[in-house]
PDB file of N, CA and C in Angstrom:
ATOM      1  N   MET A   1       0.844  -1.167   0.000  1.00  0.00           N
ATOM      2  CA  MET A   1       0.000   0.000   0.000  1.00  0.00           C
ATOM      3  C   MET A   1       0.900   1.245   0.000  1.00  0.00           C
ATOM      4  N   THR A   2       0.589   2.197  -0.807  1.00  0.00           N
ATOM      5  CA  THR A   2       1.397   3.412  -0.912  1.00  0.00           C
ATOM      6  C   THR A   2       0.825   4.518  -0.039  1.00  0.00           C
ATOM      7  N   ALA A   3       1.648   5.526   0.172  1.00  0.00           N
ATOM      8  CA  ALA A   3       1.189   6.674   0.965  1.00  0.00           C
ATOM      9  C   ALA A   3       0.022   7.368   0.282  1.00  0.00           C
ATOM     10  N   CYS A   4       0.045   7.405  -1.050  1.00  0.00           N
ATOM     11  CA  CYS A   4      -1.051   8.049  -1.783  1.00  0.00           C
ATOM     12  C   CYS A   4      -2.357   7.286  -1.640  1.00  0.00           C
ATOM     13  N   ALA A   5      -2.263   5.958  -1.500  1.00  0.00           N
ATOM     14  CA  ALA A   5      -3.479   5.171  -1.312  1.00  0.00           C
ATOM     15  C   ALA A   5      -4.069   5.424   0.073  1.00  0.00           C
ATOM     16  N   ILE A   6      -3.198   5.637   1.053  1.00  0.00           N
ATOM     17  CA  ILE A   6      -3.650   5.894   2.413  1.00  0.00           C
ATOM     18  C   ILE A   6      -4.212   7.304   2.529  1.00  0.00           C
ATOM     19  N   THR A   7      -3.517   8.273   1.939  1.00  0.00           N
ATOM     20  CA  THR A   7      -3.940   9.675   1.988  1.00  0.00           C
ATOM     21  C   THR A   7      -4.029  10.211   0.562  1.00  0.00           C
ATOM     22  N   PRO A   8      -5.180  10.065  -0.068  1.00  0.00           N
ATOM     23  CA  PRO A   8      -5.317  10.466  -1.466  1.00  0.00           C
ATOM     24  C   PRO A   8      -5.067  11.950  -1.723  1.00  0.00           C
ATOM     25  N   THR A   9      -5.176  12.782  -0.703  1.00  0.00           N
ATOM     26  CA  THR A   9      -4.925  14.215  -0.901  1.00  0.00           C
ATOM     27  C   THR A   9      -3.445  14.558  -0.784  1.00  0.00           C
ATOM     28  N   LEU A  10      -2.613  13.570  -0.498  1.00  0.00           N
ATOM     29  CA  LEU A  10      -1.191  13.818  -0.320  1.00  0.00           C
ATOM     30  C   LEU A  10      -0.557  14.420  -1.560  1.00  0.00           C
ATOM     31  N   SER A  11      -0.853  13.869  -2.727  1.00  0.00           N
ATOM     32  CA  SER A  11      -0.217  14.388  -3.936  1.00  0.00           C
ATOM     33  C   SER A  11      -0.645  15.831  -4.201  1.00  0.00           C
ATOM     34  N   SER A  12      -1.888  16.160  -3.903  1.00  0.00           N
ATOM     35  CA  SER A  12      -2.351  17.533  -4.059  1.00  0.00           C
ATOM     36  C   SER A  12      -1.636  18.454  -3.079  1.00  0.00           C
ATOM     37  N   SER A  13      -1.516  18.008  -1.829  1.00  0.00           N
ATOM     38  CA  SER A  13      -0.828  18.808  -0.821  1.00  0.00           C
ATOM     39  C   SER A  13       0.646  18.974  -1.170  1.00  0.00           C
ATOM     40  N   THR A  14       1.266  17.917  -1.670  1.00  0.00           N
ATOM     41  CA  THR A  14       2.672  17.974  -2.055  1.00  0.00           C
ATOM     42  C   THR A  14       2.869  18.952  -3.202  1.00  0.00           C
ATOM     43  N   ALA A  15       1.987  18.923  -4.167  1.00  0.00           N
ATOM     44  CA  ALA A  15       2.077  19.844  -5.294  1.00  0.00           C
ATOM     45  C   ALA A  15       1.905  21.288  -4.835  1.00  0.00           C
ATOM     46  N   GLU A  16       0.984  21.515  -3.924  1.00  0.00           N
ATOM     47  CA  GLU A  16       0.770  22.865  -3.405  1.00  0.00           C
ATOM     48  C   GLU A  16       1.991  23.354  -2.626  1.00  0.00           C
ATOM     49  N   LEU A  17       2.571  22.462  -1.832  1.00  0.00           N
ATOM     50  CA  LEU A  17       3.762  22.819  -1.078  1.00  0.00           C
ATOM     51  C   LEU A  17       4.933  23.116  -2.025  1.00  0.00           C
ATOM     52  N   ALA A  18       5.090  22.308  -3.061  1.00  0.00           N
ATOM     53  CA  ALA A  18       6.155  22.540  -4.045  1.00  0.00           C
ATOM     54  C   ALA A  18       5.953  23.875  -4.753  1.00  0.00           C
ATOM     55  N   TRP A  19       4.726  24.171  -5.110  1.00  0.00           N
ATOM     56  CA  TRP A  19       4.449  25.445  -5.775  1.00  0.00           C
ATOM     57  C   TRP A  19       4.785  26.610  -4.845  1.00  0.00           C
ATOM     58  N   LEU A  20       4.374  26.494  -3.579  1.00  0.00           N
ATOM     59  CA  LEU A  20       4.635  27.547  -2.610  1.00  0.00           C
ATOM     60  C   LEU A  20       6.139  27.762  -2.427  1.00  0.00           C
ATOM     61  N   PHE A  21       6.872  26.673  -2.304  1.00  0.00           N
ATOM     62  CA  PHE A  21       8.323  26.763  -2.146  1.00  0.00           C
ATOM     63  C   PHE A  21       8.947  27.440  -3.366  1.00  0.00           C
ATOM     64  N   GLN A  22       8.557  27.021  -4.554  1.00  0.00           N
ATOM     65  CA  GLN A  22       9.102  27.621  -5.777  1.00  0.00           C
ATOM     66  C   GLN A  22       8.734  29.102  -5.878  1.00  0.00           C
ATOM     67  N   HIS A  23       7.517  29.433  -5.538  1.00  0.00           N
ATOM     68  CA  HIS A  23       7.060  30.823  -5.617  1.00  0.00           C
ATOM     69  C   HIS A  23       7.826  31.716  -4.647  1.00  0.00           C
ATOM     70  N   LYS A  24       8.041  31.229  -3.416  1.00  0.00           N
ATOM     71  CA  LYS A  24       8.684  32.048  -2.391  1.00  0.00           C
ATOM     72  C   LYS A  24      10.200  32.078  -2.528  1.00  0.00           C
ATOM     73  N   LEU A  25      10.814  30.943  -2.896  1.00  0.00           N
ATOM     74  CA  LEU A  25      12.271  30.846  -2.897  1.00  0.00           C
ATOM     75  C   LEU A  25      12.892  30.701  -4.279  1.00  0.00           C
ATOM     76  N   GLY A  26      12.183  30.086  -5.198  1.00  0.00           N
ATOM     77  CA  GLY A  26      12.778  29.794  -6.492  1.00  0.00           C
ATOM     78  C   GLY A  26      12.746  30.947  -7.474  1.00  0.00           C
ATOM     79  N   GLU A  27      11.900  31.865  -7.249  1.00  0.00           N
ATOM     80  CA  GLU A  27      11.743  32.998  -8.169  1.00  0.00           C
ATOM     81  C   GLU A  27      11.786  34.297  -7.376  1.00  0.00           C
ATOM     82  N   ASN A  28      11.618  35.395  -8.070  1.00  0.00           N
ATOM     83  CA  ASN A  28      11.546  36.696  -7.382  1.00  0.00           C
ATOM     84  C   ASN A  28      10.144  37.283  -7.521  1.00  0.00           C
ATOM     85  N   LEU A  29       9.152  36.413  -7.538  1.00  0.00           N
ATOM     86  CA  LEU A  29       7.768  36.839  -7.717  1.00  0.00           C
ATOM     87  C   LEU A  29       7.161  37.434  -6.449  1.00  0.00           C
ATOM     88  N   ASP A  30       7.667  37.023  -5.311  1.00  0.00           N
ATOM     89  CA  ASP A  30       7.158  37.515  -4.038  1.00  0.00           C
ATOM     90  C   ASP A  30       8.012  38.699  -3.596  1.00  0.00           C
ATOM     91  N   ASP A  31       7.373  39.740  -3.093  1.00  0.00           N
ATOM     92  CA  ASP A  31       8.115  40.930  -2.669  1.00  0.00           C
ATOM     93  C   ASP A  31       9.138  40.633  -1.581  1.00  0.00           C
ATOM     94  N   ALA A  32       8.887  39.628  -0.764  1.00  0.00           N
ATOM     95  CA  ALA A  32       9.795  39.300   0.342  1.00  0.00           C
ATOM     96  C   ALA A  32      10.728  38.144  -0.002  1.00  0.00           C
ATOM     97  N   ASN A  33      10.946  37.886  -1.285  1.00  0.00           N
ATOM     98  CA  ASN A  33      11.729  36.709  -1.678  1.00  0.00           C
ATOM     99  C   ASN A  33      13.137  36.704  -1.108  1.00  0.00           C
ATOM    100  N   MET A  34      13.789  37.857  -1.011  1.00  0.00           N
ATOM    101  CA  MET A  34      15.146  37.888  -0.469  1.00  0.00           C
ATOM    102  C   MET A  34      15.149  37.544   1.023  1.00  0.00           C
ATOM    103  N   HIS A  35      14.127  37.967   1.736  1.00  0.00           N
ATOM    104  CA  HIS A  35      14.008  37.602   3.152  1.00  0.00           C
ATOM    105  C   HIS A  35      13.874  36.092   3.295  1.00  0.00           C
ATOM    106  N   TYR A  36      12.995  35.485   2.494  1.00  0.00           N
ATOM    107  CA  TYR A  36      12.802  34.033   2.553  1.00  0.00           C
ATOM    108  C   TYR A  36      14.093  33.299   2.217  1.00  0.00           C
ATOM    109  N   LYS A  37      14.810  33.774   1.217  1.00  0.00           N
ATOM    110  CA  LYS A  37      16.063  33.131   0.812  1.00  0.00           C
ATOM    111  C   LYS A  37      17.114  33.242   1.906  1.00  0.00           C
ATOM    112  N   GLN A  38      17.190  34.390   2.567  1.00  0.00           N
ATOM    113  CA  GLN A  38      18.149  34.550   3.661  1.00  0.00           C
ATOM    114  C   GLN A  38      17.815  33.621   4.828  1.00  0.00           C
ATOM    115  N   GLU A  39      16.540  33.527   5.162  1.00  0.00           N
ATOM    116  CA  GLU A  39      16.133  32.646   6.254  1.00  0.00           C
ATOM    117  C   GLU A  39      16.386  31.180   5.897  1.00  0.00           C
ATOM    118  N   TRP A  40      16.108  30.810   4.664  1.00  0.00           N
ATOM    119  CA  TRP A  40      16.363  29.435   4.207  1.00  0.00           C
ATOM    120  C   TRP A  40      17.858  29.140   4.279  1.00  0.00           C
ATOM    121  N   SER A  41      18.669  30.103   3.890  1.00  0.00           N
ATOM    122  CA  SER A  41      20.116  29.945   3.943  1.00  0.00           C
ATOM    123  C   SER A  41      20.588  29.704   5.381  1.00  0.00           C
ATOM    124  N   LYS A  42      20.026  30.437   6.333  1.00  0.00           N
ATOM    125  CA  LYS A  42      20.378  30.236   7.747  1.00  0.00           C
ATOM    126  C   LYS A  42      20.005  28.833   8.211  1.00  0.00           C
ATOM    127  N   GLU A  43      18.809  28.383   7.819  1.00  0.00           N
ATOM    128  CA  GLU A  43      18.364  27.042   8.202  1.00  0.00           C
ATOM    129  C   GLU A  43      19.282  25.961   7.619  1.00  0.00           C
ATOM    130  N   MET A  44      19.652  26.145   6.361  1.00  0.00           N
ATOM    131  CA  MET A  44      20.508  25.154   5.714  1.00  0.00           C
ATOM    132  C   MET A  44      21.918  25.174   6.282  1.00  0.00           C
ATOM    133  N   ALA A  45      22.386  26.333   6.747  1.00  0.00           N
ATOM    134  CA  ALA A  45      23.704  26.408   7.388  1.00  0.00           C
ATOM    135  C   ALA A  45      23.701  25.569   8.666  1.00  0.00           C
ATOM    136  N   VAL A  46      22.573  25.559   9.391  1.00  0.00           N
ATOM    137  CA  VAL A  46      22.463  24.732  10.586  1.00  0.00           C
ATOM    138  C   VAL A  46      22.473  23.256  10.195  1.00  0.00           C
ATOM    139  N   VAL A  47      21.703  22.899   9.189  1.00  0.00           N
ATOM    140  CA  VAL A  47      21.616  21.511   8.762  1.00  0.00           C
ATOM    141  C   VAL A  47      22.971  21.002   8.284  1.00  0.00           C
ATOM    142  N   PHE A  48      23.661  21.794   7.468  1.00  0.00           N
ATOM    143  CA  PHE A  48      24.932  21.356   6.910  1.00  0.00           C
ATOM    144  C   PHE A  48      26.114  21.652   7.819  1.00  0.00           C
ATOM    145  N   GLY A  49      25.915  22.459   8.849  1.00  0.00           N
ATOM    146  CA  GLY A  49      26.968  22.742   9.797  1.00  0.00           C
ATOM    147  C   GLY A  49      28.042  23.685   9.272  1.00  0.00           C
ATOM    148  N   LYS A  50      27.842  24.231   8.122  1.00  0.00           N
ATOM    149  CA  LYS A  50      28.786  25.192   7.545  1.00  0.00           C
ATOM    150  C   LYS A  50      28.075  25.953   6.442  1.00  0.00           C
ATOM    151  N   LYS A  51      28.702  26.949   5.896  1.00  0.00           N
ATOM    152  CA  LYS A  51      28.054  27.788   4.885  1.00  0.00           C
ATOM    153  C   LYS A  51      27.875  27.080   3.548  1.00  0.00           C
ATOM    154  N   THR A  52      28.876  26.328   3.115  1.00  0.00           N
ATOM    155  CA  THR A  52      28.799  25.679   1.813  1.00  0.00           C
ATOM    156  C   THR A  52      28.856  24.164   1.992  1.00  0.00           C
ATOM    157  N   PRO A  53      27.813  23.445   1.608  1.00  0.00           N
ATOM    158  CA  PRO A  53      27.852  21.991   1.768  1.00  0.00           C
ATOM    159  C   PRO A  53      28.861  21.355   0.821  1.00  0.00           C
ATOM    160  N   ASP A  54      29.554  20.345   1.301  1.00  0.00           N
ATOM    161  CA  ASP A  54      30.458  19.564   0.462  1.00  0.00           C
ATOM    162  C   ASP A  54      29.614  18.465  -0.179  1.00  0.00           C
ATOM    163  N   LEU A  55      29.183  18.692  -1.398  1.00  0.00           N
ATOM    164  CA  LEU A  55      28.266  17.756  -2.055  1.00  0.00           C
ATOM    165  C   LEU A  55      28.881  16.373  -2.217  1.00  0.00           C
ATOM    166  N   GLU A  56      30.165  16.314  -2.509  1.00  0.00           N
ATOM    167  CA  GLU A  56      30.828  15.019  -2.657  1.00  0.00           C
ATOM    168  C   GLU A  56      30.778  14.240  -1.345  1.00  0.00           C
ATOM    169  N   GLU A  57      30.985  14.935  -0.231  1.00  0.00           N
ATOM    170  CA  GLU A  57      30.925  14.305   1.092  1.00  0.00           C
ATOM    171  C   GLU A  57      29.508  13.811   1.395  1.00  0.00           C
ATOM    172  N   LEU A  58      28.510  14.585   1.001  1.00  0.00           N
ATOM    173  CA  LEU A  58      27.123  14.183   1.243  1.00  0.00           C
ATOM    174  C   LEU A  58      26.720  12.988   0.385  1.00  0.00           C
ATOM    175  N   ILE A  59      27.198  12.970  -0.845  1.00  0.00           N
ATOM    176  CA  ILE A  59      26.841  11.879  -1.757  1.00  0.00           C
ATOM    177  C   ILE A  59      27.597  10.600  -1.414  1.00  0.00           C
ATOM    178  N   HIS A  60      28.881  10.744  -1.076  1.00  0.00           N
ATOM    179  CA  HIS A  60      29.745   9.588  -0.786  1.00  0.00           C
ATOM    180  C   HIS A  60      30.456   9.782   0.549  1.00  0.00           C
ATOM    181  N   PRO A  61      29.746   9.635   1.682  1.00  0.00           N
ATOM    182  CA  PRO A  61      30.398   9.815   2.980  1.00  0.00           C
ATOM    183  C   PRO A  61      31.483   8.760   3.185  1.00  0.00           C
ATOM    184  N   GLN A  62      32.638   9.181   3.726  1.00  0.00           N
ATOM    185  CA  GLN A  62      33.776   8.286   3.912  1.00  0.00           C
ATOM    186  C   GLN A  62      33.957   7.853   5.363  1.00  0.00           C
ATOM    187  N   THR A  63      33.501   8.658   6.301  1.00  0.00           N
ATOM    188  CA  THR A  63      33.693   8.355   7.718  1.00  0.00           C
ATOM    189  C   THR A  63      32.345   8.175   8.399  1.00  0.00           C
ATOM    190  N   ALA A  64      32.416   7.614   9.604  1.00  0.00           N
ATOM    191  CA  ALA A  64      31.186   7.424  10.372  1.00  0.00           C
ATOM    192  C   ALA A  64      30.543   8.767  10.694  1.00  0.00           C
ATOM    193  N   ASP A  65      31.371   9.775  10.999  1.00  0.00           N
ATOM    194  CA  ASP A  65      30.833  11.103  11.305  1.00  0.00           C
ATOM    195  C   ASP A  65      30.113  11.700  10.107  1.00  0.00           C
ATOM    196  N   GLN A  66      30.686  11.553   8.931  1.00  0.00           N
ATOM    197  CA  GLN A  66      30.054  12.079   7.718  1.00  0.00           C
ATOM    198  C   GLN A  66      28.734  11.374   7.444  1.00  0.00           C
ATOM    199  N   THR A  67      28.642  10.113   7.835  1.00  0.00           N
ATOM    200  CA  THR A  67      27.422   9.338   7.620  1.00  0.00           C
ATOM    201  C   THR A  67      26.333   9.720   8.613  1.00  0.00           C
ATOM    202  N   THR A  68      26.708   9.927   9.870  1.00  0.00           N
ATOM    203  CA  THR A  68      25.703  10.171  10.909  1.00  0.00           C
ATOM    204  C   THR A  68      25.455  11.638  11.210  1.00  0.00           C
ATOM    205  N   ALA A  69      26.369  12.528  10.853  1.00  0.00           N
ATOM    206  CA  ALA A  69      26.239  13.947  11.212  1.00  0.00           C
ATOM    207  C   ALA A  69      24.959  14.595  10.691  1.00  0.00           C
ATOM    208  N   PRO A  70      24.567  14.395   9.431  1.00  0.00           N
ATOM    209  CA  PRO A  70      23.334  15.058   8.971  1.00  0.00           C
ATOM    210  C   PRO A  70      22.096  14.657   9.775  1.00  0.00           C
ATOM    211  N   ALA A  71      21.972  13.376  10.102  1.00  0.00           N
ATOM    212  CA  ALA A  71      20.813  12.923  10.885  1.00  0.00           C
ATOM    213  C   ALA A  71      20.866  13.503  12.293  1.00  0.00           C
ATOM    214  N   ALA A  72      22.062  13.558  12.872  1.00  0.00           N
ATOM    215  CA  ALA A  72      22.204  14.127  14.222  1.00  0.00           C
ATOM    216  C   ALA A  72      21.837  15.606  14.220  1.00  0.00           C
ATOM    217  N   ARG A  73      22.263  16.332  13.204  1.00  0.00           N
ATOM    218  CA  ARG A  73      21.929  17.758  13.126  1.00  0.00           C
ATOM    219  C   ARG A  73      20.420  17.964  13.015  1.00  0.00           C
ATOM    220  N   ARG A  74      19.765  17.096  12.231  1.00  0.00           N
ATOM    221  CA  ARG A  74      18.303  17.217  12.101  1.00  0.00           C
ATOM    222  C   ARG A  74      17.627  16.982  13.449  1.00  0.00           C
ATOM    223  N   GLU A  75      18.098  15.990  14.203  1.00  0.00           N
ATOM    224  CA  GLU A  75      17.515  15.714  15.519  1.00  0.00           C
ATOM    225  C   GLU A  75      17.741  16.881  16.470  1.00  0.00           C
ATOM    226  N   ILE A  76      18.937  17.442  16.459  1.00  0.00           N
ATOM    227  CA  ILE A  76      19.232  18.591  17.313  1.00  0.00           C
ATOM    228  C   ILE A  76      18.321  19.751  16.949  1.00  0.00           C
ATOM    229  N   GLN A  77      18.159  19.966  15.662  1.00  0.00           N
ATOM    230  CA  GLN A  77      17.308  21.074  15.221  1.00  0.00           C
ATOM    231  C   GLN A  77      15.862  20.855  15.657  1.00  0.00           C
ATOM    232  N   LYS A  78      15.369  19.628  15.579  1.00  0.00           N
ATOM    233  CA  LYS A  78      13.999  19.340  16.022  1.00  0.00           C
ATOM    234  C   LYS A  78      13.828  19.699  17.497  1.00  0.00           C
ATOM    235  N   TRP A  79      14.801  19.293  18.321  1.00  0.00           N
ATOM    236  CA  TRP A  79      14.684  19.532  19.759  1.00  0.00           C
ATOM    237  C   TRP A  79      14.833  21.002  20.095  1.00  0.00           C
ATOM    238  N   THR A  80      15.689  21.723  19.400  1.00  0.00           N
ATOM    239  CA  THR A  80      15.870  23.138  19.707  1.00  0.00           C
ATOM    240  C   THR A  80      14.663  23.961  19.273  1.00  0.00           C
ATOM    241  N   GLN A  81      13.953  23.509  18.257  1.00  0.00           N
ATOM    242  CA  GLN A  81      12.773  24.233  17.815  1.00  0.00           C
ATOM    243  C   GLN A  81      11.605  24.040  18.769  1.00  0.00           C
ATOM    244  N   ARG A  82      11.598  22.960  19.519  1.00  0.00           N
ATOM    245  CA  ARG A  82      10.504  22.683  20.460  1.00  0.00           C
ATOM    246  C   ARG A  82      10.559  23.579  21.682  1.00  0.00           C
ATOM    247  N   SER A  83      11.775  23.971  22.067  1.00  0.00           N
ATOM    248  CA  SER A  83      11.893  24.746  23.310  1.00  0.00           C
ATOM    249  C   SER A  83      11.706  26.214  23.100  1.00  0.00           C
TER     250      SER A  83
END
């Protein structure tokens, strides 16, 4: 059973979310687009732990830390947002 079979509105919600993301961050159609992009950049800096992600490291992690660090950062971010 697929997620779409369980929640038939999921694909509609996903499409709406994708459109919203593209409208706010992917283009300059929204007057506050630079604000959204700056905030997104801050969030991604937390997730990646630095300003510029090493894509090769993310695609092909070589060490245990490189393998587990992204998941650990996501968990830390979840807990810090709750408080």
